[in-house]
Amino acid sequence: MRRRSFLKTALKVTAAAAAGGGAMTALTREGVQAAPDSAPRMVAFPDGFLWGVSTSSYQIEGAVAEDGRAPSVWDTYSHSFGRIANGDTGDVACDHYHRYAEDVELMARAGMKAYRFSIAWPRVMPQGTGAVNAKGLDFYDRLTDALLAKGIQPWPCLFHWDLPQALQDRGGWTNRDIAGWFTDYALAVTARLGDRAKNWVMLNEPSVVAIFGHGTGGHAPGMTGRDNCLKAIHHQNLAQGTALAALRQVGGKNWQLGTVLSLQPSWPVGGLDSNYPASLMWDAVWNRSCLDPLFKGRFPAQLEAEFTRIAKPGDLERIKQPVDFLGINYYSRMHQQPDPQGLFGTGYGSAPEGTRKTGMEWPVEPDGLTEILAELQEKYGNPPVYVAENGADYPDTVGPSGRVEDRDRIAYLRDHLLAAAKAIDEGCNLKGYMAWTLLDNFEWAEGYRRKFGLVQVDRKTMERKPKASYDWYASVIRNNAVPLR
């Protein structure tokens, strides 16, 4: 989204006793007032704020050939030579399929109240359409019941990138018919789990699926080209709208229905006017190609002619469906400049000098989260919002006790939670936060070399070892507050 001026508000500290010790603070629009003692000051979140964690099926489940599951595009892609770092695959991943009870216990121990996980479409419908695989749904039955037994809300996501290969063979997201295929699949899953799971996510990051999977070829299914990218965006939007309408008819008010978008502000490199058109184009591709049809019933101006050519009459009406919530995934800003070789004439440039970076070389820019939330408040009707992913890759640093002492990750999470708290103070309708992610997992094209988890996973034994960040996050949840330092 375009660069904008922020309300330069700070935090005012109001003394109150925190349940876990330390001085609790409340957010106002003035300055910082010292707490009455030297204990760590904490910024409180609203009562009822929902704390949780997110994962995805292909990244953690494993068991890719068990109980009737068929290959996904990521099985095919990861087994293609040279596609994934170190030749890694998701064949075993974190073995969550067999160890889900242990993972649910880890969530419960930390006090988490929500778990966003994804359903593997090829586990439920191996051919993508037609026959439902009961054994595949049995797994999600067991997982849902295990979560509820621990007081954790299940937040199933119907699609997190692992499209059945059988559907890719028919064109996948570039085939308009997928809107109906996805809706049939959504109805089958919700019919089985909808008596217990009440919060349903349609898609995860449709623009990312389109850009990297269908535009640049860096993700599965490895397609390239601007036209394929835009078709994949439009058909995901269309599938989402079609499914939302169908589920609303079936579930009525029993379900909360929404979706999850990757939203990252797009800034011109160096703040230069000459880079502004590139940043605006990339904002249209990454952010507004999904936001504008859903909330405004229109295509972004920069892409309107191309989307109009792909769409059919009535498509925007099908896409513009009411949602009960919007999930957003935020990691960093995107700094853009012209690039004639880029898919849309744009390319990534450097963040301002001195900006901290994660292990993935992503800029650490917490105020970008405040910026995105403010944009949703001001331009998209201030919908109920959940941060559905936020986290960072850092190399494991093992301390004397044998535990990973991931202080950089703690600082990253703290700073982003403070940015979220600022957005709430400024009127954003933010209802919850789900960290990315529970476990070190298969990080797509990066394989297992990138570590985003609150919990370390031994690649040989699959032993789970909570990191320092796991304990820190548990403390945040327990106090419903984040420390200022």
Foldseek 3Di string as FASTA:
>chain_A
DEDDDDLPFEADADADAFPVGDGEGEGARHYYDDYPDDGFYWYFDDPQFAEAAEDECLWAAAPCPPQQFAAFLQQVQLCPPPLFPPSFGSNCWLNCLPVVLVLLVLRLVLVHAEYEYEQQQSLQVVLLADDGRVSSLVSVVVNLVSNVVSNHAYEYEHEDQGHRVNVVVVVHLLDLCVLVSLLRSLVVNCVSCVVRHAHYAYYAAQLCCLCCCADCLSFPPRHHALLSSLSSLLSSLLSLLSNVVVCCVVCPNSHAYEHEHEQAQFYEVVNDPQFVVQSVVVCQRRPVCNQCLQQPLAHPPVCRVSNVVSDDPPSSVSSNDDGQEYEYEYEYHFHWGADCPDNRRIDGDDDPPPFDAFPVRGGLDLLRLLVVLVCCVPPRVLHEYEHREYWGWHDFDADPVRAGAPVVGLVSVLSNVVSVSVSVNVPHNYRYYHYPHAEQTQPGSHGNPTGGHQWYADPVPSDTHGHPSSNQSSVCSVRSIGGPD
